[in-house]
Amino acid sequence: MMETDHNPTVKTFFDAPTWTFTHVVYEKSGSHCAIIDSVLNYDPKSGRTSAQSADEVIAFIKEEKLKVDWILETHAHADHLTAAPYIQKHLGGKLAIGKHIQDVQKVFKSIFHLEDTFRADGSQFDYLIEEDEELLLGNLKIKSLFVPGHTPACMAYVIGDAIFVGDTMFMPDVGTARCDFPGGNANVLYQSVKRILSFQNETRLYMCHDYPPNERKVAYMTTVGDERKHNIHIHDGISEKDFVAMRTARDATLEMPVLILPAVQINIRAGELPPKETNGVSYLKIPINSL
């Protein structure tokens, strides 16, 4: 059953270069809030970071006099850098992610041959969220849903009548997440999406990304009912076998995200840059012929 006594207010911000939505979730002005999937701007040509997107979120929170309790990640993103440490520095709050981030860290510590001192135990985050755990957010409650498949560590967050689905699924005319990253699994994704779609039809689903086809305007919210009727990959009646066959064939045609190499290296560190070298500069690695 969905809890409807305290449904959230949601303010959404869009980062156009990465097609990413950041959601600020709260009850009312002056209340507690959570920030889900923040963005640190990154120029891959120069290697420079900036904080325009995060500053918009910070300005809104200050205007509404909100108190940040949680800065949440749905997973270690491969398409944008998180601004979680930057936001925490300005507003406070706990940085949190699902506990299975440890599995992702172990894989990518090997892929990137990270320094021996990098700990693949999730300790870079303030809090690791258990499966089906409830977190308090003032008068609201955050219920974690473990929804692996896109990555082995993906979490969705249920807050009142809304679910923040991360990359697990998209708007109905876009479909579902790819499963060809290390640890991805199309069978597992099918079960995860079905778990989300088992909620009531009127449940709001908030996207982490949108890639609109046919000149449709960017959209960040749909419902369980709309997805069950119209999702091009996994609407009602699509079997797990058919979904896996579609997802496997489609994933084989997809290019790697533009920012996957910098994003993953930084996001598994909870948004911190790699340790500075003796010249005072942080460096990212590019594995050749590895991914």
Protein backbone atom coordinates (compact mmCIF):
# COMPACT_ATOMS: atom_id res chain seq x y z
CA MET A 1 0.00 0.00 0.00
CA MET A 2 1.17 3.52 -0.74
CA GLU A 3 1.39 5.97 2.15
CA THR A 4 -0.68 9.00 1.19
CA ASP A 5 -0.82 11.03 4.42
CA HIS A 6 2.32 12.95 3.53
CA ASN A 7 2.94 13.30 -0.18
CA PRO A 8 5.95 15.33 -1.26
CA THR A 9 6.38 18.55 -3.12
CA VAL A 10 8.98 18.15 -5.87
CA LYS A 11 11.06 20.85 -7.54
CA THR A 12 12.95 19.55 -10.57
CA PHE A 13 16.03 21.03 -12.26
CA PHE A 14 17.26 20.04 -15.72
CA ASP A 15 20.90 19.87 -16.79
CA ALA A 16 20.67 20.06 -20.59
CA PRO A 17 24.21 18.89 -21.53
CA THR A 18 23.69 15.56 -19.72
CA TRP A 19 19.87 15.34 -20.02
CA THR A 20 19.76 14.89 -16.24
CA PHE A 21 17.07 15.81 -13.72
CA THR A 22 17.87 16.74 -10.14
CA HIS A 23 14.92 16.58 -7.75
CA VAL A 24 14.49 18.51 -4.51
CA VAL A 25 11.89 16.69 -2.42
CA TYR A 26 10.21 18.40 0.53
CA GLU A 27 6.90 18.97 2.30
CA LYS A 28 6.58 22.76 2.25
CA SER A 29 8.65 25.93 2.57
CA GLY A 30 10.82 25.79 5.67
CA SER A 31 10.67 22.00 5.93
CA HIS A 32 13.28 19.27 5.61
CA CYS A 33 14.35 18.21 2.11
CA ALA A 34 16.29 15.63 0.15
CA ILE A 35 18.25 16.21 -3.06
CA ILE A 36 18.26 13.32 -5.52
CA ASP A 37 20.90 12.93 -8.28
CA SER A 38 22.72 16.25 -8.35
CA VAL A 39 24.98 17.35 -11.24
CA LEU A 40 28.48 18.82 -11.27
CA ASN A 41 29.16 20.40 -14.66
CA TYR A 42 32.17 18.95 -16.47
CA ASP A 43 33.81 19.94 -19.74
CA PRO A 44 35.41 16.82 -21.25
CA LYS A 45 37.50 18.89 -23.65
CA SER A 46 39.29 20.85 -20.92
CA GLY A 47 38.80 18.62 -17.88
CA ARG A 48 37.33 21.56 -15.97
CA THR A 49 34.47 21.34 -13.50
CA SER A 50 31.99 24.06 -12.60
CA ALA A 51 28.88 24.32 -10.46
CA GLN A 52 26.18 26.24 -12.35
CA SER A 53 23.65 23.40 -12.10
CA ALA A 54 24.33 22.79 -8.41
CA ASP A 55 24.18 26.53 -7.66
CA GLU A 56 20.64 26.67 -9.06
CA VAL A 57 19.60 23.94 -6.63
CA ILE A 58 21.35 25.66 -3.73
CA ALA A 59 19.69 28.99 -4.51
CA PHE A 60 16.23 27.40 -4.53
CA ILE A 61 16.80 25.63 -1.23
CA LYS A 62 17.94 28.85 0.40
CA GLU A 63 14.96 30.77 -1.01
CA GLU A 64 12.53 28.18 0.35
CA LYS A 65 14.41 28.00 3.67
CA LEU A 66 14.70 24.23 3.41
CA LYS A 67 16.92 22.10 5.63
CA VAL A 68 18.88 19.45 3.72
CA ASP A 69 18.77 16.10 5.49
CA TRP A 70 19.80 13.81 2.63
CA ILE A 71 21.79 14.09 -0.59
CA LEU A 72 20.84 10.86 -2.35
CA GLU A 73 22.28 9.01 -5.32
CA THR A 74 20.21 6.42 -7.14
CA HIS A 75 23.47 4.80 -8.35
CA ALA A 76 27.01 5.60 -9.48
CA HIS A 77 26.11 7.46 -12.67
CA ALA A 78 28.01 6.94 -15.91
CA ASP A 79 26.66 10.02 -17.72
CA HIS A 80 27.27 12.88 -15.29
CA LEU A 81 29.37 13.79 -12.27
CA THR A 82 27.66 14.19 -8.92
CA ALA A 83 27.77 17.53 -7.13
CA ALA A 84 27.04 15.95 -3.74
CA PRO A 85 30.20 17.13 -1.91
CA TYR A 86 29.81 20.66 -3.28
CA ILE A 87 26.20 20.85 -2.14
CA GLN A 88 27.03 19.35 1.23
CA LYS A 89 29.73 21.97 1.76
CA HIS A 90 27.16 24.74 1.24
CA LEU A 91 24.03 23.20 2.78
CA GLY A 92 24.96 20.22 4.93
CA GLY A 93 23.09 16.91 4.82
CA LYS A 94 24.23 13.30 4.62
CA LEU A 95 25.54 11.78 1.36
CA ALA A 96 23.86 8.41 0.88
CA ILE A 97 23.69 5.61 -1.68
CA GLY A 98 22.62 1.97 -1.71
CA LYS A 99 24.94 -0.40 0.11
CA HIS A 100 25.64 -2.39 -3.06
CA ILE A 101 27.86 0.47 -4.24
CA GLN A 102 30.57 -1.71 -2.73
CA ASP A 103 30.12 -4.19 -5.59
CA VAL A 104 30.46 -1.42 -8.16
CA GLN A 105 33.53 -0.01 -6.44
CA LYS A 106 35.26 -3.39 -6.47
CA VAL A 107 34.69 -3.79 -10.22
CA PHE A 108 35.87 -0.31 -11.16
CA LYS A 109 38.79 -0.27 -8.75
CA SER A 110 40.14 -3.10 -10.88
CA ILE A 111 39.15 -1.58 -14.24
CA PHE A 112 40.80 1.75 -13.42
CA HIS A 113 43.62 0.19 -11.38
CA LEU A 114 42.96 2.68 -8.60
CA GLU A 115 45.38 3.44 -5.79
CA ASP A 116 45.79 0.82 -3.06
CA THR A 117 44.33 3.23 -0.51
CA PHE A 118 40.97 3.39 -2.33
CA ARG A 119 38.58 1.38 -0.16
CA ALA A 120 35.83 -0.52 -1.96
CA ASP A 121 33.60 -0.56 1.11
CA GLY A 122 31.39 2.47 0.54
CA SER A 123 33.12 4.42 3.30
CA GLN A 124 33.43 7.46 1.02
CA PHE A 125 29.70 8.04 1.62
CA ASP A 126 28.18 9.18 4.90
CA TYR A 127 25.51 6.49 4.86
CA LEU A 128 24.86 3.24 3.00
CA ILE A 129 21.18 2.44 2.52
CA GLU A 130 19.90 -1.08 3.08
CA GLU A 131 17.29 -2.72 0.87
CA ASP A 132 13.72 -1.73 1.88
CA GLU A 133 15.03 0.68 4.52
CA GLU A 134 13.02 3.70 5.68
CA LEU A 135 14.69 7.07 6.18
CA LEU A 136 13.03 10.00 7.92
CA LEU A 137 12.62 13.33 6.13
CA GLY A 138 10.70 15.54 8.53
CA ASN A 139 7.08 14.39 8.24
CA LEU A 140 7.91 12.44 5.09
CA LYS A 141 9.39 8.96 4.84
CA ILE A 142 11.82 7.69 2.24
CA LYS A 143 11.50 3.97 1.44
CA SER A 144 14.35 2.43 -0.52
CA LEU A 145 13.66 0.02 -3.37
CA PHE A 146 16.56 -2.12 -4.55
CA VAL A 147 16.21 -2.13 -8.35
CA PRO A 148 19.39 -3.59 -9.91
CA GLY A 149 19.85 -4.44 -13.56
CA HIS A 150 21.20 -1.23 -15.06
CA THR A 151 23.94 -1.53 -12.44
CA PRO A 152 24.12 -4.02 -9.56
CA ALA A 153 23.58 -1.22 -7.04
CA CYS A 154 20.64 0.84 -8.33
CA MET A 155 18.15 2.20 -5.80
CA ALA A 156 14.78 3.87 -6.33
CA TYR A 157 13.22 5.98 -3.58
CA VAL A 158 9.55 5.90 -2.64
CA ILE A 159 8.36 9.10 -0.96
CA GLY A 160 4.61 9.27 -0.41
CA ASP A 161 2.88 8.87 -3.77
CA ALA A 162 6.10 9.37 -5.76
CA ILE A 163 8.96 7.10 -6.82
CA PHE A 164 12.31 8.44 -7.99
CA VAL A 165 13.41 5.71 -10.37
CA GLY A 166 16.96 6.70 -11.31
CA ASP A 167 18.06 5.20 -14.63
CA THR A 168 15.97 2.05 -14.26
CA MET A 169 13.33 3.28 -16.67
CA PHE A 170 12.46 6.36 -18.71
CA MET A 171 9.41 8.09 -20.15
CA PRO A 172 7.12 5.61 -21.97
CA ASP A 173 8.32 6.59 -25.44
CA VAL A 174 11.98 6.11 -24.44
CA GLY A 175 11.80 2.78 -22.63
CA THR A 176 14.27 1.31 -20.16
CA ALA A 177 17.92 1.50 -19.13
CA ARG A 178 20.78 -0.26 -20.85
CA CYS A 179 22.25 -3.32 -19.14
CA ASP A 180 25.66 -3.69 -20.80
CA PHE A 181 27.76 -1.88 -18.19
CA PRO A 182 29.84 -4.07 -15.85
CA GLY A 183 27.44 -5.90 -13.54
CA GLY A 184 24.35 -5.08 -15.61
CA ASN A 185 21.75 -7.77 -16.25
CA ALA A 186 18.63 -7.53 -18.43
CA ASN A 187 16.77 -10.33 -16.62
CA VAL A 188 17.34 -8.56 -13.32
CA LEU A 189 16.27 -5.21 -14.79
CA TYR A 190 13.00 -6.73 -15.97
CA GLN A 191 12.20 -7.86 -12.43
CA SER A 192 13.21 -4.48 -11.00
CA VAL A 193 10.96 -2.55 -13.38
CA LYS A 194 8.09 -4.91 -12.62
CA ARG A 195 8.59 -4.16 -8.94
CA ILE A 196 8.19 -0.45 -9.62
CA LEU A 197 5.16 -1.08 -11.84
CA SER A 198 3.45 -3.10 -9.08
CA PHE A 199 2.58 0.16 -7.30
CA GLN A 200 -0.79 1.83 -7.81
CA ASN A 201 -1.44 3.24 -11.29
CA GLU A 202 -1.60 6.84 -10.07
CA THR A 203 1.86 6.67 -8.46
CA ARG A 204 4.09 9.44 -9.81
CA LEU A 205 7.37 8.28 -11.37
CA TYR A 206 10.16 10.84 -11.52
CA MET A 207 12.88 10.27 -14.12
CA CYS A 208 16.61 10.87 -13.77
CA HIS A 209 16.97 11.46 -17.53
CA ASP A 210 14.92 12.07 -20.63
CA TYR A 211 15.98 11.60 -24.26
CA PRO A 212 12.85 12.81 -26.07
CA PRO A 213 12.13 11.45 -29.54
CA ASN A 214 10.23 13.17 -32.35
CA GLU A 215 10.83 16.71 -31.06
CA ARG A 216 8.81 16.03 -27.92
CA LYS A 217 9.55 18.48 -25.12
CA VAL A 218 11.68 17.22 -22.26
CA ALA A 219 9.57 15.58 -19.53
CA TYR A 220 10.52 14.35 -16.07
CA MET A 221 7.38 12.74 -14.63
CA THR A 222 4.90 10.06 -15.64
CA THR A 223 2.81 7.47 -13.77
CA VAL A 224 2.83 3.75 -13.18
CA GLY A 225 -0.38 3.46 -15.22
CA ASP A 226 1.09 5.28 -18.21
CA GLU A 227 4.21 3.12 -18.13
CA ARG A 228 2.22 -0.10 -17.89
CA LYS A 229 0.14 0.90 -20.92
CA HIS A 230 2.66 2.64 -23.14
CA ASN A 231 6.30 1.89 -22.25
CA ILE A 232 7.83 0.82 -25.57
CA HIS A 233 10.07 -1.79 -23.93
CA ILE A 234 8.13 -3.22 -21.01
CA HIS A 235 4.41 -2.44 -21.17
CA ASP A 236 1.95 -5.00 -19.84
CA GLY A 237 2.13 -8.21 -21.84
CA ILE A 238 5.87 -8.11 -22.59
CA SER A 239 7.50 -11.31 -21.33
CA GLU A 240 10.87 -11.43 -19.62
CA LYS A 241 12.24 -13.49 -22.52
CA ASP A 242 11.14 -10.94 -25.11
CA PHE A 243 12.42 -8.04 -23.01
CA VAL A 244 15.85 -9.62 -22.56
CA ALA A 245 16.13 -10.35 -26.28
CA MET A 246 15.21 -6.75 -27.14
CA ARG A 247 17.49 -5.24 -24.50
CA THR A 248 20.47 -7.41 -25.48
CA ALA A 249 20.13 -6.58 -29.18
CA ARG A 250 19.65 -2.88 -28.51
CA ASP A 251 22.54 -2.60 -26.07
CA ALA A 252 24.89 -4.08 -28.66
CA THR A 253 24.26 -1.02 -30.85
CA LEU A 254 24.81 1.67 -28.20
CA GLU A 255 27.94 3.76 -27.80
CA MET A 256 29.46 4.39 -24.38
CA PRO A 257 28.22 7.59 -22.67
CA VAL A 258 30.47 10.58 -23.34
CA LEU A 259 31.32 11.06 -19.67
CA ILE A 260 31.49 7.45 -18.48
CA LEU A 261 35.25 7.46 -17.79
CA PRO A 262 35.41 10.61 -15.67
CA ALA A 263 31.95 10.13 -14.16
CA VAL A 264 32.40 6.64 -12.78
CA GLN A 265 35.84 7.36 -11.36
CA ILE A 266 34.51 10.35 -9.44
CA ASN A 267 31.07 9.03 -8.55
CA ILE A 268 32.38 5.88 -6.85
CA ARG A 269 34.36 8.29 -4.64
CA ALA A 270 31.11 10.02 -3.58
CA GLY A 271 31.96 12.93 -5.87
CA GLU A 272 35.47 13.60 -4.62
CA LEU A 273 38.35 13.96 -7.07
CA PRO A 274 41.17 11.40 -7.06
CA PRO A 275 44.02 12.18 -4.63
CA LYS A 276 46.28 14.95 -5.84
CA GLU A 277 49.67 13.89 -7.11
CA THR A 278 52.99 15.44 -6.06
CA ASN A 279 52.41 18.44 -8.35
CA GLY A 280 49.13 19.26 -6.62
CA VAL A 281 46.90 18.16 -9.53
CA SER A 282 44.22 15.41 -9.61
CA TYR A 283 44.24 13.11 -12.63
CA LEU A 284 41.66 10.76 -14.16
CA LYS A 285 42.60 7.56 -15.96
CA ILE A 286 41.58 6.39 -19.44
CA PRO A 287 41.90 2.61 -19.80
CA ILE A 288 42.88 1.78 -23.36
CA ASN A 289 41.02 -1.07 -25.12
CA SER A 290 39.49 -2.14 -21.83
CA LEU A 291 35.81 -1.21 -21.90
